[in-house]
Amino acid sequence: MLAEDFTLPDQNGKSHTLSDYRDKWVVLYFYPKDDTSGCTKEACSFRDNIQTLASKNVVVIGVSKDSTSSHQSFVNKYQLNFTLLSDDSGEIIKKYNAWGEKSIFGKKFIGILRKTYIINPKGEIVKTYEKVNPNDHVSDILKDLQKLQKVD
């Protein structure tokens, strides 16, 4: 399935269009909120593995509803070395089915679901992670990329 194209601003206010990455593998991940425990673990894991991912022709793009200035603070605080996009309207988050019912401590509410897609260089979604554990997510992605890139 072809990934839905979009354009959103990054932490510096620069616009990014998904189809501009057609020659690369893209890890497109949706996360609830900047500088919260799970989201920080996940982001720092991507940061710590960015060289390995880059060596496999992979670009990491994070998306949340946080503002560009919130993203900038998050990037600066944790020295994040990849792109964070601001979808303040939630339009793209919804298009990628990353908006829905969540439950924390038994309380149900609607919000951003932690969800990740691997998109191949042709722009096709080749892997979806519905339930993401921030602690081991990047190692799962690296294992799956190894298999996916052999096939491609």
N, C-alpha and C. Protein backbone atom coordinates (compact mmCIF):
# COMPACT_ATOMS: atom_id res chain seq x y z
N MET A 1 0.84 -1.18 0.00
CA MET A 1 0.00 0.00 0.00
C MET A 1 0.89 1.25 0.00
N LEU A 2 0.57 2.18 -0.86
CA LEU A 2 1.33 3.42 -0.96
C LEU A 2 1.05 4.30 0.26
N ALA A 3 2.10 4.86 0.83
CA ALA A 3 1.95 5.75 1.99
C ALA A 3 1.32 7.06 1.53
N GLU A 4 0.36 7.54 2.30
CA GLU A 4 -0.31 8.81 2.01
C GLU A 4 0.71 9.94 2.12
N ASP A 5 0.80 10.76 1.07
CA ASP A 5 1.75 11.87 1.08
C ASP A 5 1.23 13.02 1.94
N PHE A 6 2.13 13.78 2.49
CA PHE A 6 1.76 14.94 3.32
C PHE A 6 2.95 15.88 3.40
N THR A 7 2.67 17.10 3.84
CA THR A 7 3.71 18.10 4.12
C THR A 7 3.42 18.70 5.49
N LEU A 8 4.43 18.67 6.36
CA LEU A 8 4.31 19.23 7.71
C LEU A 8 5.60 19.95 8.09
N PRO A 9 5.52 20.91 9.02
CA PRO A 9 6.73 21.62 9.47
C PRO A 9 7.51 20.82 10.52
N ASP A 10 8.83 20.97 10.49
CA ASP A 10 9.69 20.30 11.47
C ASP A 10 9.98 21.23 12.65
N GLN A 11 10.89 20.80 13.51
CA GLN A 11 11.24 21.53 14.72
C GLN A 11 11.84 22.91 14.43
N ASN A 12 12.29 23.12 13.20
CA ASN A 12 12.85 24.42 12.82
C ASN A 12 11.88 25.24 11.96
N GLY A 13 10.67 24.72 11.75
CA GLY A 13 9.69 25.42 10.92
C GLY A 13 9.83 25.11 9.45
N LYS A 14 10.78 24.23 9.07
CA LYS A 14 11.00 23.88 7.66
C LYS A 14 10.00 22.79 7.25
N SER A 15 9.37 22.96 6.09
CA SER A 15 8.40 21.98 5.61
C SER A 15 9.07 20.73 5.06
N HIS A 16 8.49 19.59 5.38
CA HIS A 16 8.96 18.30 4.86
C HIS A 16 7.78 17.61 4.20
N THR A 17 8.02 17.06 3.01
CA THR A 17 7.01 16.31 2.28
C THR A 17 7.47 14.86 2.22
N LEU A 18 6.59 13.94 2.60
CA LEU A 18 6.98 12.53 2.67
C LEU A 18 7.54 12.02 1.36
N SER A 19 6.94 12.38 0.24
CA SER A 19 7.40 11.86 -1.06
C SER A 19 8.81 12.34 -1.43
N ASP A 20 9.32 13.35 -0.75
CA ASP A 20 10.70 13.80 -0.98
C ASP A 20 11.71 12.74 -0.54
N TYR A 21 11.26 11.76 0.24
CA TYR A 21 12.16 10.72 0.76
C TYR A 21 12.03 9.42 -0.04
N ARG A 22 11.52 9.49 -1.24
CA ARG A 22 11.25 8.29 -2.03
C ARG A 22 12.47 7.42 -2.32
N ASP A 23 13.66 7.96 -2.24
CA ASP A 23 14.85 7.14 -2.52
C ASP A 23 15.41 6.50 -1.25
N LYS A 24 14.73 6.67 -0.13
CA LYS A 24 15.20 6.14 1.15
C LYS A 24 14.13 5.29 1.81
N TRP A 25 14.56 4.51 2.78
CA TRP A 25 13.64 3.84 3.68
C TRP A 25 13.25 4.87 4.73
N VAL A 26 11.99 4.89 5.13
CA VAL A 26 11.52 5.84 6.12
C VAL A 26 10.89 5.09 7.30
N VAL A 27 11.33 5.43 8.49
CA VAL A 27 10.65 4.99 9.71
C VAL A 27 9.82 6.19 10.15
N LEU A 28 8.51 6.08 9.95
CA LEU A 28 7.58 7.15 10.29
C LEU A 28 6.88 6.73 11.57
N TYR A 29 7.19 7.45 12.65
CA TYR A 29 6.58 7.05 13.92
C TYR A 29 5.76 8.18 14.53
N PHE A 30 4.63 7.78 15.08
CA PHE A 30 3.70 8.70 15.73
C PHE A 30 3.81 8.49 17.23
N TYR A 31 3.86 9.59 17.97
CA TYR A 31 4.02 9.49 19.41
C TYR A 31 3.17 10.55 20.10
N PRO A 32 2.76 10.28 21.35
CA PRO A 32 1.81 11.17 22.02
C PRO A 32 2.31 12.57 22.39
N LYS A 33 3.49 12.69 23.02
CA LYS A 33 3.86 14.00 23.54
C LYS A 33 5.36 14.13 23.78
N ASP A 34 5.90 15.28 23.39
CA ASP A 34 7.30 15.59 23.64
C ASP A 34 7.61 15.54 25.13
N ASP A 35 8.82 15.05 25.44
CA ASP A 35 9.38 15.12 26.79
C ASP A 35 8.53 14.43 27.87
N THR A 36 7.88 13.33 27.48
CA THR A 36 7.21 12.47 28.47
C THR A 36 8.03 11.18 28.52
N SER A 37 7.87 10.40 29.55
CA SER A 37 8.80 9.28 29.79
C SER A 37 8.89 8.30 28.62
N GLY A 38 7.78 7.75 28.16
CA GLY A 38 7.82 6.77 27.07
C GLY A 38 8.31 7.38 25.76
N CYS A 39 7.84 8.58 25.48
CA CYS A 39 8.23 9.25 24.22
C CYS A 39 9.71 9.63 24.23
N THR A 40 10.22 9.99 25.40
CA THR A 40 11.64 10.32 25.51
C THR A 40 12.49 9.05 25.33
N LYS A 41 12.08 7.95 25.95
CA LYS A 41 12.80 6.68 25.77
C LYS A 41 12.86 6.29 24.30
N GLU A 42 11.72 6.39 23.63
CA GLU A 42 11.65 6.02 22.22
C GLU A 42 12.54 6.94 21.37
N ALA A 43 12.42 8.25 21.57
CA ALA A 43 13.21 9.21 20.80
C ALA A 43 14.71 9.03 21.04
N CYS A 44 15.10 8.82 22.29
CA CYS A 44 16.52 8.65 22.59
C CYS A 44 17.06 7.34 22.02
N SER A 45 16.22 6.34 21.93
CA SER A 45 16.64 5.08 21.30
C SER A 45 16.88 5.28 19.80
N PHE A 46 16.00 6.05 19.15
CA PHE A 46 16.24 6.38 17.74
C PHE A 46 17.54 7.18 17.62
N ARG A 47 17.72 8.17 18.50
CA ARG A 47 18.94 8.99 18.49
C ARG A 47 20.19 8.13 18.61
N ASP A 48 20.17 7.20 19.55
CA ASP A 48 21.34 6.37 19.82
C ASP A 48 21.64 5.37 18.70
N ASN A 49 20.65 5.11 17.86
CA ASN A 49 20.82 4.13 16.77
C ASN A 49 20.79 4.78 15.38
N ILE A 50 20.85 6.12 15.35
CA ILE A 50 20.69 6.81 14.07
C ILE A 50 21.80 6.48 13.07
N GLN A 51 23.01 6.26 13.54
CA GLN A 51 24.12 5.93 12.62
C GLN A 51 23.87 4.57 11.96
N THR A 52 23.43 3.60 12.75
CA THR A 52 23.12 2.28 12.20
C THR A 52 21.98 2.38 11.20
N LEU A 53 20.95 3.13 11.55
CA LEU A 53 19.82 3.30 10.64
C LEU A 53 20.26 4.02 9.36
N ALA A 54 21.02 5.08 9.50
CA ALA A 54 21.49 5.84 8.34
C ALA A 54 22.35 4.97 7.42
N SER A 55 23.13 4.07 8.00
CA SER A 55 23.97 3.19 7.19
C SER A 55 23.12 2.22 6.35
N LYS A 56 21.87 2.06 6.73
CA LYS A 56 20.94 1.21 5.99
C LYS A 56 20.01 2.04 5.09
N ASN A 57 20.38 3.31 4.85
CA ASN A 57 19.60 4.21 4.01
C ASN A 57 18.23 4.51 4.61
N VAL A 58 18.18 4.63 5.94
CA VAL A 58 16.92 4.85 6.65
C VAL A 58 16.89 6.26 7.24
N VAL A 59 15.75 6.93 7.08
CA VAL A 59 15.49 8.23 7.68
C VAL A 59 14.41 8.03 8.74
N VAL A 60 14.58 8.66 9.89
CA VAL A 60 13.59 8.58 10.97
C VAL A 60 12.83 9.90 11.02
N ILE A 61 11.50 9.79 11.05
CA ILE A 61 10.64 10.97 11.15
C ILE A 61 9.61 10.71 12.24
N GLY A 62 9.59 11.56 13.26
CA GLY A 62 8.60 11.47 14.32
C GLY A 62 7.50 12.49 14.11
N VAL A 63 6.27 12.14 14.47
CA VAL A 63 5.13 13.05 14.31
C VAL A 63 4.29 13.06 15.58
N SER A 64 3.97 14.27 16.04
CA SER A 64 3.01 14.42 17.14
C SER A 64 2.25 15.72 16.91
N LYS A 65 1.30 16.01 17.80
CA LYS A 65 0.53 17.25 17.70
C LYS A 65 1.25 18.43 18.36
N ASP A 66 2.40 18.17 18.98
CA ASP A 66 3.14 19.25 19.64
C ASP A 66 3.57 20.32 18.63
N SER A 67 3.73 21.53 19.12
CA SER A 67 4.13 22.65 18.27
C SER A 67 5.59 22.51 17.82
N THR A 68 5.96 23.28 16.82
CA THR A 68 7.35 23.26 16.35
C THR A 68 8.29 23.73 17.47
N SER A 69 7.85 24.69 18.28
CA SER A 69 8.72 25.16 19.37
C SER A 69 8.87 24.09 20.46
N SER A 70 7.82 23.33 20.72
CA SER A 70 7.92 22.22 21.67
C SER A 70 8.91 21.18 21.13
N HIS A 71 8.80 20.88 19.84
CA HIS A 71 9.73 19.94 19.21
C HIS A 71 11.17 20.45 19.33
N GLN A 72 11.36 21.76 19.11
CA GLN A 72 12.71 22.35 19.18
C GLN A 72 13.29 22.16 20.58
N SER A 73 12.49 22.41 21.59
CA SER A 73 12.96 22.22 22.98
C SER A 73 13.30 20.76 23.25
N PHE A 74 12.46 19.85 22.76
CA PHE A 74 12.67 18.40 22.93
C PHE A 74 13.97 17.97 22.26
N VAL A 75 14.17 18.44 21.03
CA VAL A 75 15.39 18.13 20.26
C VAL A 75 16.62 18.66 21.01
N ASN A 76 16.56 19.89 21.47
CA ASN A 76 17.70 20.49 22.17
C ASN A 76 18.00 19.79 23.49
N LYS A 77 16.97 19.49 24.25
CA LYS A 77 17.15 18.88 25.57
C LYS A 77 17.82 17.51 25.48
N TYR A 78 17.45 16.73 24.44
CA TYR A 78 17.97 15.36 24.33
C TYR A 78 18.91 15.15 23.14
N GLN A 79 19.35 16.25 22.51
CA GLN A 79 20.25 16.18 21.35
C GLN A 79 19.73 15.19 20.31
N LEU A 80 18.45 15.30 19.98
CA LEU A 80 17.86 14.41 18.98
C LEU A 80 18.41 14.78 17.61
N ASN A 81 18.72 13.76 16.82
CA ASN A 81 19.41 13.96 15.55
C ASN A 81 18.58 13.47 14.36
N PHE A 82 17.28 13.68 14.45
CA PHE A 82 16.38 13.33 13.36
C PHE A 82 15.21 14.31 13.37
N THR A 83 14.35 14.21 12.39
CA THR A 83 13.27 15.17 12.17
C THR A 83 12.03 14.84 13.00
N LEU A 84 11.49 15.88 13.65
CA LEU A 84 10.20 15.79 14.32
C LEU A 84 9.24 16.73 13.61
N LEU A 85 8.09 16.22 13.23
CA LEU A 85 7.10 17.03 12.51
C LEU A 85 5.92 17.36 13.41
N SER A 86 5.40 18.56 13.21
CA SER A 86 4.26 19.04 13.99
C SER A 86 2.99 18.93 13.16
N ASP A 87 2.06 18.11 13.66
CA ASP A 87 0.74 17.97 13.03
C ASP A 87 -0.29 18.51 14.01
N ASP A 88 -0.28 19.83 14.19
CA ASP A 88 -1.14 20.42 15.23
C ASP A 88 -2.63 20.20 14.99
N SER A 89 -3.03 20.03 13.74
CA SER A 89 -4.44 19.77 13.45
C SER A 89 -4.82 18.30 13.68
N GLY A 90 -3.80 17.43 13.67
CA GLY A 90 -4.06 16.00 13.84
C GLY A 90 -4.53 15.32 12.57
N GLU A 91 -4.58 16.04 11.47
CA GLU A 91 -5.10 15.50 10.20
C GLU A 91 -4.29 14.29 9.72
N ILE A 92 -2.96 14.40 9.73
CA ILE A 92 -2.11 13.32 9.24
C ILE A 92 -2.12 12.16 10.25
N ILE A 93 -2.11 12.51 11.52
CA ILE A 93 -2.18 11.49 12.57
C ILE A 93 -3.41 10.62 12.36
N LYS A 94 -4.54 11.23 12.05
CA LYS A 94 -5.78 10.49 11.81
C LYS A 94 -5.69 9.68 10.52
N LYS A 95 -5.11 10.27 9.46
CA LYS A 95 -4.99 9.54 8.18
C LYS A 95 -4.15 8.28 8.34
N TYR A 96 -3.20 8.31 9.25
CA TYR A 96 -2.34 7.14 9.49
C TYR A 96 -2.86 6.28 10.65
N ASN A 97 -4.13 6.45 10.98
CA ASN A 97 -4.78 5.64 12.03
C ASN A 97 -4.01 5.62 13.34
N ALA A 98 -3.42 6.76 13.68
CA ALA A 98 -2.66 6.86 14.92
C ALA A 98 -3.43 7.70 15.95
N TRP A 99 -4.74 7.77 15.79
CA TRP A 99 -5.60 8.51 16.71
C TRP A 99 -6.69 7.56 17.16
N GLY A 100 -6.86 7.43 18.47
CA GLY A 100 -7.90 6.52 18.93
C GLY A 100 -7.96 6.42 20.43
N GLU A 101 -8.71 5.41 20.88
CA GLU A 101 -8.92 5.24 22.31
C GLU A 101 -7.68 4.63 22.96
N LYS A 102 -7.32 5.22 24.09
CA LYS A 102 -6.17 4.76 24.88
C LYS A 102 -6.65 4.54 26.30
N SER A 103 -5.85 3.84 27.06
CA SER A 103 -6.19 3.62 28.45
C SER A 103 -4.93 3.73 29.30
N ILE A 104 -4.98 4.60 30.30
CA ILE A 104 -3.86 4.72 31.23
C ILE A 104 -4.43 4.60 32.64
N PHE A 105 -3.90 3.65 33.38
CA PHE A 105 -4.36 3.38 34.75
C PHE A 105 -5.88 3.18 34.79
N GLY A 106 -6.39 2.48 33.78
CA GLY A 106 -7.81 2.16 33.73
C GLY A 106 -8.72 3.27 33.22
N LYS A 107 -8.15 4.45 32.98
CA LYS A 107 -8.94 5.57 32.49
C LYS A 107 -8.84 5.61 30.96
N LYS A 108 -9.99 5.62 30.30
CA LYS A 108 -10.02 5.64 28.83
C LYS A 108 -10.15 7.07 28.33
N PHE A 109 -9.44 7.35 27.23
CA PHE A 109 -9.53 8.66 26.60
C PHE A 109 -9.06 8.54 25.15
N ILE A 110 -9.28 9.58 24.37
CA ILE A 110 -8.89 9.60 22.96
C ILE A 110 -7.59 10.41 22.84
N GLY A 111 -6.65 9.87 22.06
CA GLY A 111 -5.39 10.57 21.88
C GLY A 111 -4.54 9.91 20.81
N ILE A 112 -3.28 10.33 20.73
CA ILE A 112 -2.35 9.79 19.74
C ILE A 112 -1.88 8.42 20.20
N LEU A 113 -2.00 7.46 19.31
CA LEU A 113 -1.54 6.10 19.57
C LEU A 113 -0.08 6.01 19.15
N ARG A 114 0.70 5.26 19.89
CA ARG A 114 2.10 5.03 19.54
C ARG A 114 2.09 4.01 18.39
N LYS A 115 2.41 4.48 17.19
CA LYS A 115 2.30 3.64 16.01
C LYS A 115 3.45 3.99 15.06
N THR A 116 3.99 2.97 14.38
CA THR A 116 5.13 3.19 13.48
C THR A 116 4.91 2.47 12.17
N TYR A 117 5.38 3.10 11.10
CA TYR A 117 5.34 2.50 9.77
C TYR A 117 6.75 2.48 9.19
N ILE A 118 7.08 1.38 8.52
CA ILE A 118 8.30 1.36 7.70
C ILE A 118 7.83 1.50 6.26
N ILE A 119 8.40 2.50 5.59
CA ILE A 119 8.05 2.81 4.20
C ILE A 119 9.29 2.56 3.34
N ASN A 120 9.14 1.79 2.27
CA ASN A 120 10.28 1.46 1.42
C ASN A 120 10.60 2.62 0.46
N PRO A 121 11.71 2.53 -0.27
CA PRO A 121 12.10 3.63 -1.16
C PRO A 121 11.10 3.92 -2.29
N LYS A 122 10.16 3.01 -2.54
CA LYS A 122 9.12 3.25 -3.56
C LYS A 122 7.92 3.97 -2.96
N GLY A 123 7.97 4.22 -1.64
CA GLY A 123 6.86 4.92 -0.99
C GLY A 123 5.76 3.99 -0.50
N GLU A 124 6.05 2.70 -0.42
CA GLU A 124 5.05 1.72 0.02
C GLU A 124 5.24 1.38 1.49
N ILE A 125 4.13 1.28 2.21
CA ILE A 125 4.18 0.84 3.60
C ILE A 125 4.41 -0.67 3.58
N VAL A 126 5.53 -1.10 4.16
CA VAL A 126 5.87 -2.53 4.14
C VAL A 126 5.79 -3.17 5.53
N LYS A 127 5.64 -2.34 6.57
CA LYS A 127 5.53 -2.88 7.92
C LYS A 127 4.83 -1.85 8.79
N THR A 128 3.90 -2.33 9.62
CA THR A 128 3.19 -1.46 10.56
C THR A 128 3.34 -2.04 11.96
N TYR A 129 3.64 -1.19 12.90
CA TYR A 129 3.73 -1.58 14.31
C TYR A 129 2.54 -0.93 15.02
N GLU A 130 1.58 -1.74 15.41
CA GLU A 130 0.35 -1.24 16.03
C GLU A 130 0.54 -0.90 17.50
N LYS A 131 1.25 -1.74 18.21
CA LYS A 131 1.45 -1.52 19.65
C LYS A 131 2.95 -1.47 19.89
N VAL A 132 3.42 -0.29 20.20
CA VAL A 132 4.86 -0.07 20.30
C VAL A 132 5.29 -0.03 21.76
N ASN A 133 6.34 -0.80 22.05
CA ASN A 133 6.98 -0.73 23.36
C ASN A 133 8.23 0.13 23.18
N PRO A 134 8.27 1.33 23.78
CA PRO A 134 9.40 2.24 23.57
C PRO A 134 10.76 1.64 23.95
N ASN A 135 10.77 0.67 24.85
CA ASN A 135 12.04 0.10 25.32
C ASN A 135 12.76 -0.74 24.27
N ASP A 136 12.01 -1.48 23.44
CA ASP A 136 12.68 -2.37 22.49
C ASP A 136 12.24 -2.13 21.04
N HIS A 137 11.57 -1.01 20.81
CA HIS A 137 11.03 -0.72 19.48
C HIS A 137 12.12 -0.63 18.40
N VAL A 138 13.18 0.09 18.67
CA VAL A 138 14.21 0.30 17.65
C VAL A 138 14.92 -1.02 17.32
N SER A 139 15.15 -1.87 18.30
CA SER A 139 15.79 -3.16 18.00
C SER A 139 14.86 -4.02 17.14
N ASP A 140 13.54 -3.94 17.37
CA ASP A 140 12.59 -4.66 16.51
C ASP A 140 12.64 -4.11 15.08
N ILE A 141 12.70 -2.81 14.95
CA ILE A 141 12.77 -2.17 13.63
C ILE A 141 14.04 -2.63 12.89
N LEU A 142 15.18 -2.62 13.59
CA LEU A 142 16.44 -3.02 12.96
C LEU A 142 16.37 -4.47 12.47
N LYS A 143 15.79 -5.36 13.27
CA LYS A 143 15.64 -6.77 12.85
C LYS A 143 14.75 -6.87 11.62
N ASP A 144 13.62 -6.15 11.64
CA ASP A 144 12.69 -6.20 10.52
C ASP A 144 13.30 -5.58 9.26
N LEU A 145 14.04 -4.49 9.42
CA LEU A 145 14.69 -3.87 8.25
C LEU A 145 15.67 -4.84 7.59
N GLN A 146 16.37 -5.59 8.40
CA GLN A 146 17.32 -6.55 7.84
C GLN A 146 16.60 -7.53 6.90
N LYS A 147 15.44 -8.01 7.32
CA LYS A 147 14.64 -8.94 6.50
C LYS A 147 14.05 -8.22 5.29
N LEU A 148 13.46 -7.05 5.53
CA LEU A 148 12.79 -6.31 4.47
C LEU A 148 13.75 -5.85 3.38
N GLN A 149 14.94 -5.44 3.77
CA GLN A 149 15.89 -4.93 2.77
C GLN A 149 16.50 -6.05 1.94
N LYS A 150 16.49 -7.27 2.46
CA LYS A 150 16.96 -8.42 1.66
C LYS A 150 15.97 -8.72 0.56
N VAL A 151 14.67 -8.55 0.85
CA VAL A 151 13.59 -8.82 -0.09
C VAL A 151 13.53 -7.76 -1.17
N ASP A 152 13.73 -6.51 -0.78
CA ASP A 152 13.52 -5.39 -1.69
C ASP A 152 14.50 -5.31 -2.83
